[in-house]
Amino acid sequence: MKIAMIGSKALLFLGVLLLWANCGFGQVVTSSMDPTQSILMPSAAGWREKPAAGIGYHEGSGTRDLNNQEIYQFDISGLDGNLAFTVGNAFIEMYGSQSTTNVQLDQFYEGQFNLKFNDARLNIALAGNDFLTIGLGVRSTESTDHIDANYDSETTDAMRAIGSISIKALDMFYFGLGFERVKEENTYAVGLTWNNVISGVAMHLGQPGGTQFKVEYSLAYSESQVNTLSGDLVENNHPQTAISRMSGELMFSGLLFAFKSEEKKIDVDIVENGQTVKEIKMVNNQGGVLWIPENGLSMGFYFLTGTNTASYDDSISSFKVKLAYVF
């Protein structure tokens, strides 16, 4: 593929694809009561109740509609794993996932899509006096995406360095703040670096072993960043992005009922498929039930739905099964 065929609009949408492929529900302020649920901000690891190791498998399907006509069909599958343990007053979490998408299409339309996404995370948190945790983390992602009508694909790597802090107040409220430095590289565009600022608040009622209720809300924001042409490499563009996340969990008699929601809004100004697009909006929801004993084998399932609205409309639903061992 010739580099000149990939313009700045393709790079803008590749940034959006990275967000779409990475539609996770990791916790920001506190850790989930689900031992298989990953965290996004490293300080959240300090609130994990017990060490655990978990795995998950999901598969699903979806469609893309343009002008009320179905143009693509998606089949999605993936695996993920999470390990959380302690060493002294240090809380360590490792996470890895891989997802693939098979697309059925008769004709290519404007608008790219993800083919494969890998995600690896390492987070370390230190806890002090049961009211403060501070954490550092690194995260590496690799995204393979369909770019243009020649059916070519390109791979983009991103490395994140993360720092965060979480504070507990009045035995039930939690406040968190995090900073993420993202460096993106690929073979056809100039490198790009941007910052994400994340803040959140949570409330947790109850004690381990009894009835517990937890809610959390967080907001992540990044400004638009552009790196211009350099030699044979094209311009790279990260759009202004806001991500809000909400979660609610209820635990009683060993059963966990969980709901999580994520909404992303990406500011753009493009013409695609003959339509002017000012904003791309992505909404992902998941709800599930898990059996989580004080020690031993845990299992459960989630239903997930997602929508992506631009000049086209994506709709995806999937089912995830979870297994974990609580130490």
Protein backbone atom coordinates (compact mmCIF):
# COMPACT_ATOMS: atom_id res chain seq x y z
CA MET A 1 0.00 0.00 0.00
CA LYS A 2 1.26 3.44 -0.85
CA ILE A 3 1.63 5.80 2.10
CA ALA A 4 0.04 8.64 0.18
CA MET A 5 -3.26 6.75 0.12
CA ILE A 6 -3.63 7.11 3.89
CA GLY A 7 -4.63 10.67 4.76
CA SER A 8 -5.07 12.46 8.02
CA LYS A 9 -8.70 11.29 8.25
CA ALA A 10 -7.57 7.66 8.33
CA LEU A 11 -5.19 8.46 11.17
CA LEU A 12 -7.92 10.27 13.06
CA PHE A 13 -10.15 7.23 12.79
CA LEU A 14 -7.34 4.90 13.76
CA GLY A 15 -7.17 6.77 17.07
CA VAL A 16 -10.89 6.20 17.41
CA LEU A 17 -10.43 2.51 16.58
CA LEU A 18 -7.95 2.17 19.42
CA LEU A 19 -10.61 3.53 21.75
CA TRP A 20 -13.30 1.27 20.29
CA ALA A 21 -11.15 -1.85 20.51
CA ASN A 22 -10.26 -0.94 24.06
CA CYS A 23 -13.80 -0.77 25.39
CA GLY A 24 -12.94 -2.15 28.82
CA PHE A 25 -14.60 -1.72 32.17
CA GLY A 26 -11.55 -1.54 34.40
CA GLN A 27 -11.91 0.19 37.75
CA VAL A 28 -10.40 3.63 38.32
CA VAL A 29 -10.88 4.55 42.00
CA THR A 30 -11.33 1.14 43.63
CA SER A 31 -11.03 -2.46 42.51
CA SER A 32 -14.08 -4.53 41.61
CA MET A 33 -15.46 -7.20 43.92
CA ASP A 34 -15.23 -9.43 40.83
CA PRO A 35 -11.76 -11.09 41.11
CA THR A 36 -11.57 -11.41 37.29
CA GLN A 37 -12.21 -7.69 36.65
CA SER A 38 -9.12 -5.70 35.70
CA ILE A 39 -8.18 -2.23 36.94
CA LEU A 40 -7.28 0.83 34.86
CA MET A 41 -5.59 3.03 37.46
CA PRO A 42 -2.83 1.27 39.47
CA SER A 43 -3.82 2.73 42.87
CA ALA A 44 -7.12 0.83 42.63
CA ALA A 45 -5.13 -2.37 43.18
CA GLY A 46 -4.58 -1.32 46.80
CA TRP A 47 -8.28 -1.85 47.57
CA ARG A 48 -8.44 -5.43 46.28
CA GLU A 49 -9.97 -7.55 49.06
CA LYS A 50 -8.19 -10.85 48.36
CA PRO A 51 -5.53 -12.30 46.04
CA ALA A 52 -7.05 -14.07 43.04
CA ALA A 53 -6.38 -15.40 39.57
CA GLY A 54 -9.07 -15.33 36.89
CA ILE A 55 -9.71 -15.93 33.22
CA GLY A 56 -12.51 -15.00 30.84
CA TYR A 57 -13.69 -15.96 27.38
CA HIS A 58 -16.13 -14.03 25.26
CA GLU A 59 -17.68 -14.24 21.83
CA GLY A 60 -20.27 -12.19 20.04
CA SER A 61 -21.56 -10.72 16.83
CA GLY A 62 -22.65 -7.41 15.40
CA THR A 63 -23.52 -5.38 12.35
CA ARG A 64 -22.70 -2.03 10.77
CA ASP A 65 -25.56 -0.08 9.20
CA LEU A 66 -25.26 2.80 6.75
CA ASN A 67 -28.37 4.77 5.79
CA ASN A 68 -30.50 2.06 7.44
CA GLN A 69 -28.87 -0.66 5.30
CA GLU A 70 -26.68 -3.41 6.74
CA ILE A 71 -23.23 -3.29 5.11
CA TYR A 72 -21.00 -5.41 7.42
CA GLN A 73 -21.34 -8.33 9.80
CA PHE A 74 -18.91 -8.84 12.69
CA ASP A 75 -17.94 -12.00 14.59
CA ILE A 76 -15.88 -11.36 17.74
CA SER A 77 -14.01 -13.61 20.16
CA GLY A 78 -11.38 -13.12 22.83
CA LEU A 79 -9.59 -14.28 25.97
CA ASP A 80 -8.38 -12.39 29.04
CA GLY A 81 -6.63 -13.19 32.30
CA ASN A 82 -6.02 -11.34 35.55
CA LEU A 83 -3.68 -12.09 38.49
CA ALA A 84 -3.70 -10.11 41.75
CA PHE A 85 -1.46 -10.77 44.77
CA THR A 86 0.35 -8.98 47.59
CA VAL A 87 3.97 -8.78 48.72
CA GLY A 88 4.12 -7.04 52.10
CA ASN A 89 2.21 -3.77 51.68
CA ALA A 90 2.59 -3.85 47.89
CA PHE A 91 -0.40 -4.88 45.74
CA ILE A 92 0.54 -6.23 42.32
CA GLU A 93 -1.81 -6.90 39.42
CA MET A 94 -1.10 -8.31 35.97
CA TYR A 95 -3.59 -8.46 33.11
CA GLY A 96 -3.53 -9.65 29.52
CA SER A 97 -6.15 -9.95 26.79
CA GLN A 98 -6.50 -10.66 23.10
CA SER A 99 -9.55 -10.16 20.88
CA THR A 100 -10.10 -10.78 17.19
CA THR A 101 -12.81 -9.63 14.78
CA ASN A 102 -13.84 -11.35 11.55
CA VAL A 103 -15.72 -9.10 9.14
CA GLN A 104 -18.03 -10.19 6.34
CA LEU A 105 -18.48 -7.58 3.62
CA ASP A 106 -19.25 -7.40 -0.10
CA GLN A 107 -18.11 -3.81 -0.63
CA PHE A 108 -15.88 -1.41 1.29
CA TYR A 109 -17.35 1.83 2.63
CA GLU A 110 -15.60 4.69 4.38
CA GLY A 111 -14.93 3.96 8.03
CA GLN A 112 -12.25 1.63 9.34
CA PHE A 113 -12.59 -1.27 11.77
CA ASN A 114 -10.43 -3.27 14.17
CA LEU A 115 -9.22 -6.78 13.29
CA LYS A 116 -7.11 -7.68 16.35
CA PHE A 117 -6.34 -6.06 19.68
CA ASN A 118 -3.80 -7.14 22.34
CA ASP A 119 -3.59 -5.55 25.78
CA ALA A 120 -1.02 -6.14 28.58
CA ARG A 121 -0.93 -4.32 31.94
CA LEU A 122 1.26 -4.33 35.04
CA ASN A 123 0.19 -2.29 38.09
CA ILE A 124 1.80 -1.87 41.51
CA ALA A 125 0.19 -0.04 44.43
CA LEU A 126 1.39 0.75 47.94
CA ALA A 127 -1.18 1.11 50.73
CA GLY A 128 -0.75 3.24 53.82
CA ASN A 129 -2.86 3.15 57.01
CA ASP A 130 -6.02 1.96 55.24
CA PHE A 131 -6.84 5.43 53.90
CA LEU A 132 -4.41 6.01 51.01
CA THR A 133 -3.03 4.04 48.08
CA ILE A 134 -0.57 5.26 45.46
CA GLY A 135 0.27 3.33 42.34
CA LEU A 136 2.40 3.13 39.22
CA GLY A 137 1.63 1.13 36.12
CA VAL A 138 2.57 0.41 32.53
CA ARG A 139 0.29 -0.70 29.73
CA SER A 140 1.10 -1.91 26.24
CA THR A 141 -1.46 -2.28 23.43
CA GLU A 142 -1.17 -3.51 19.87
CA SER A 143 -3.98 -2.87 17.41
CA THR A 144 -4.30 -4.27 13.88
CA ASP A 145 -6.85 -2.33 11.86
CA HIS A 146 -8.42 -2.36 8.42
CA ILE A 147 -7.54 1.01 6.84
CA ASP A 148 -8.71 1.49 3.26
CA ALA A 149 -10.47 0.04 0.23
CA ASN A 150 -7.39 -1.97 -0.80
CA TYR A 151 -8.13 -4.28 2.16
CA ASP A 152 -4.76 -3.46 3.71
CA SER A 153 -4.21 -3.55 7.46
CA GLU A 154 -1.77 -1.68 9.64
CA THR A 155 -0.52 -2.29 13.18
CA THR A 156 -0.27 0.45 15.80
CA ASP A 157 1.58 0.11 19.12
CA ALA A 158 0.89 2.28 22.14
CA MET A 159 2.76 2.38 25.44
CA ARG A 160 1.29 4.03 28.53
CA ALA A 161 3.01 5.13 31.73
CA ILE A 162 0.49 5.64 34.53
CA GLY A 163 0.49 7.15 38.00
CA SER A 164 -2.50 7.48 40.31
CA ILE A 165 -3.63 8.03 43.89
CA SER A 166 -6.77 6.95 45.76
CA ILE A 167 -7.96 8.23 49.14
CA LYS A 168 -10.54 6.72 51.51
CA ALA A 169 -12.69 9.01 53.68
CA LEU A 170 -15.30 8.31 56.39
CA ASP A 171 -14.88 4.54 55.89
CA MET A 172 -17.10 4.56 52.80
CA PHE A 173 -16.06 7.24 50.28
CA TYR A 174 -13.14 7.02 47.87
CA PHE A 175 -11.59 9.72 45.69
CA GLY A 176 -9.11 9.02 42.91
CA LEU A 177 -6.91 10.96 40.51
CA GLY A 178 -4.67 9.58 37.78
CA PHE A 179 -2.38 10.69 34.95
CA GLU A 180 -1.55 8.66 31.86
CA ARG A 181 1.18 9.45 29.31
CA VAL A 182 0.51 7.70 25.98
CA LYS A 183 3.10 7.21 23.24
CA GLU A 184 1.83 5.82 19.92
CA GLU A 185 3.89 4.47 17.03
CA ASN A 186 3.19 2.76 13.70
CA THR A 187 4.89 2.15 10.37
CA TYR A 188 3.22 4.79 8.21
CA ALA A 189 2.59 7.82 10.42
CA VAL A 190 4.71 10.02 12.65
CA GLY A 191 4.78 9.12 16.33
CA LEU A 192 2.32 10.84 18.62
CA THR A 193 2.21 11.49 22.37
CA TRP A 194 -0.69 12.73 24.46
CA ASN A 195 -1.88 12.87 28.08
CA ASN A 196 -5.00 11.49 29.74
CA VAL A 197 -6.23 12.92 33.06
CA ILE A 198 -8.59 10.68 35.05
CA SER A 199 -10.60 11.45 38.18
CA GLY A 200 -13.31 9.57 40.01
CA VAL A 201 -15.36 9.01 43.15
CA ALA A 202 -16.74 5.83 44.71
CA MET A 203 -18.81 4.67 47.66
CA HIS A 204 -18.48 1.23 49.29
CA LEU A 205 -20.86 0.03 52.01
CA GLY A 206 -20.49 -3.20 53.96
CA GLN A 207 -17.63 -5.49 54.88
CA PRO A 208 -16.01 -8.54 53.23
CA GLY A 209 -17.95 -11.70 54.09
CA GLY A 210 -21.25 -9.82 54.43
CA THR A 211 -23.60 -7.81 52.26
CA GLN A 212 -21.75 -5.15 50.27
CA PHE A 213 -22.75 -2.40 47.87
CA LYS A 214 -20.38 -0.37 45.71
CA VAL A 215 -20.83 2.38 43.13
CA GLU A 216 -18.20 4.29 41.18
CA TYR A 217 -18.10 7.11 38.64
CA SER A 218 -15.04 8.38 36.78
CA LEU A 219 -14.17 10.72 33.93
CA ALA A 220 -11.11 10.64 31.66
CA TYR A 221 -10.19 13.51 29.35
CA SER A 222 -7.52 14.14 26.73
CA GLU A 223 -6.92 17.18 24.52
CA SER A 224 -6.50 16.97 20.77
CA GLN A 225 -2.92 16.41 19.63
CA VAL A 226 -1.48 16.58 16.10
CA ASN A 227 1.97 15.66 14.79
CA THR A 228 2.57 16.86 11.24
CA LEU A 229 4.18 15.21 8.20
CA SER A 230 7.77 14.03 8.35
CA GLY A 231 9.44 12.57 5.25
CA ASP A 232 7.43 9.60 3.99
CA LEU A 233 5.31 9.42 7.15
CA VAL A 234 1.85 11.00 7.21
CA GLU A 235 0.28 13.24 9.84
CA ASN A 236 -1.00 11.65 13.04
CA ASN A 237 -3.99 13.00 14.95
CA HIS A 238 -5.46 12.15 18.35
CA PRO A 239 -8.93 13.74 18.72
CA GLN A 240 -10.20 15.41 21.89
CA THR A 241 -11.79 12.60 23.88
CA ALA A 242 -13.92 12.30 27.03
CA ILE A 243 -14.68 8.91 28.62
CA SER A 244 -17.16 8.48 31.47
CA ARG A 245 -17.46 5.21 33.36
CA MET A 246 -20.07 4.07 35.89
CA SER A 247 -20.31 0.82 37.83
CA GLY A 248 -22.55 -0.68 40.46
CA GLU A 249 -22.08 -3.93 42.40
CA LEU A 250 -24.19 -5.72 44.99
CA MET A 251 -22.82 -8.70 46.91
CA PHE A 252 -24.83 -10.90 49.28
CA SER A 253 -24.70 -14.59 50.24
CA GLY A 254 -21.74 -15.11 47.91
CA LEU A 255 -23.56 -13.78 44.82
CA LEU A 256 -22.29 -10.70 43.01
CA PHE A 257 -24.61 -8.72 40.75
CA ALA A 258 -22.63 -6.25 38.65
CA PHE A 259 -23.40 -3.58 36.08
CA LYS A 260 -20.89 -1.38 34.29
CA SER A 261 -21.29 1.30 31.64
CA GLU A 262 -18.83 3.29 29.55
CA GLU A 263 -19.48 6.23 27.22
CA LYS A 264 -16.87 7.80 24.92
CA LYS A 265 -17.28 11.03 23.01
CA ILE A 266 -14.69 11.92 20.37
CA ASP A 267 -14.72 15.38 18.77
CA VAL A 268 -14.09 15.26 15.02
CA ASP A 269 -14.79 17.40 11.96
CA ILE A 270 -14.82 15.17 8.89
CA VAL A 271 -16.91 14.22 5.88
CA GLU A 272 -17.48 10.47 5.63
CA ASN A 273 -19.84 8.54 3.36
CA GLY A 274 -21.21 11.89 2.21
CA GLN A 275 -22.08 12.99 5.75
CA THR A 276 -20.50 15.62 7.99
CA VAL A 277 -19.51 14.05 11.31
CA LYS A 278 -18.79 16.30 14.31
CA GLU A 279 -18.82 13.72 17.07
CA ILE A 280 -18.34 9.98 17.37
CA LYS A 281 -20.14 8.38 20.30
CA MET A 282 -19.52 4.91 21.71
CA VAL A 283 -21.57 3.31 24.49
CA ASN A 284 -20.73 -0.05 26.09
CA ASN A 285 -22.71 -1.79 28.82
CA GLN A 286 -22.28 -5.07 30.64
CA GLY A 287 -24.25 -6.83 33.33
CA GLY A 288 -23.64 -10.15 35.01
CA VAL A 289 -23.88 -12.51 37.96
CA LEU A 290 -20.99 -14.32 39.65
CA TRP A 291 -20.60 -16.78 42.52
CA ILE A 292 -17.67 -15.60 44.65
CA PRO A 293 -16.82 -17.63 47.78
CA GLU A 294 -14.49 -16.38 50.51
CA ASN A 295 -11.94 -18.88 49.21
CA GLY A 296 -11.95 -21.28 46.29
CA LEU A 297 -13.43 -21.43 42.82
CA SER A 298 -15.49 -18.52 41.48
CA MET A 299 -17.54 -18.52 38.28
CA GLY A 300 -20.08 -16.39 36.49
CA PHE A 301 -21.11 -14.71 33.26
CA TYR A 302 -21.74 -11.31 31.69
CA PHE A 303 -23.87 -10.00 28.84
CA LEU A 304 -22.26 -7.13 26.90
CA THR A 305 -23.70 -4.67 24.38
CA GLY A 306 -22.02 -1.88 22.45
CA THR A 307 -22.93 0.83 19.95
CA ASN A 308 -20.74 3.08 17.84
CA THR A 309 -22.30 6.06 16.05
CA ALA A 310 -20.55 8.05 13.29
CA SER A 311 -21.70 8.26 9.64
CA TYR A 312 -22.58 4.61 10.22
CA ASP A 313 -24.02 2.73 13.19
CA ASP A 314 -22.33 -0.29 14.77
CA SER A 315 -24.21 -2.59 17.11
CA ILE A 316 -22.45 -5.45 18.88
CA SER A 317 -23.58 -7.95 21.54
CA SER A 318 -21.53 -10.66 23.22
CA PHE A 319 -21.51 -13.16 26.07
CA LYS A 320 -18.60 -13.67 28.47
CA VAL A 321 -17.93 -16.53 30.90
CA LYS A 322 -15.59 -16.07 33.88
CA LEU A 323 -13.62 -18.42 36.11
CA ALA A 324 -11.39 -17.47 39.02
CA TYR A 325 -9.73 -18.87 42.12
CA VAL A 326 -9.80 -16.77 45.27
CA PHE A 327 -6.90 -17.44 47.64
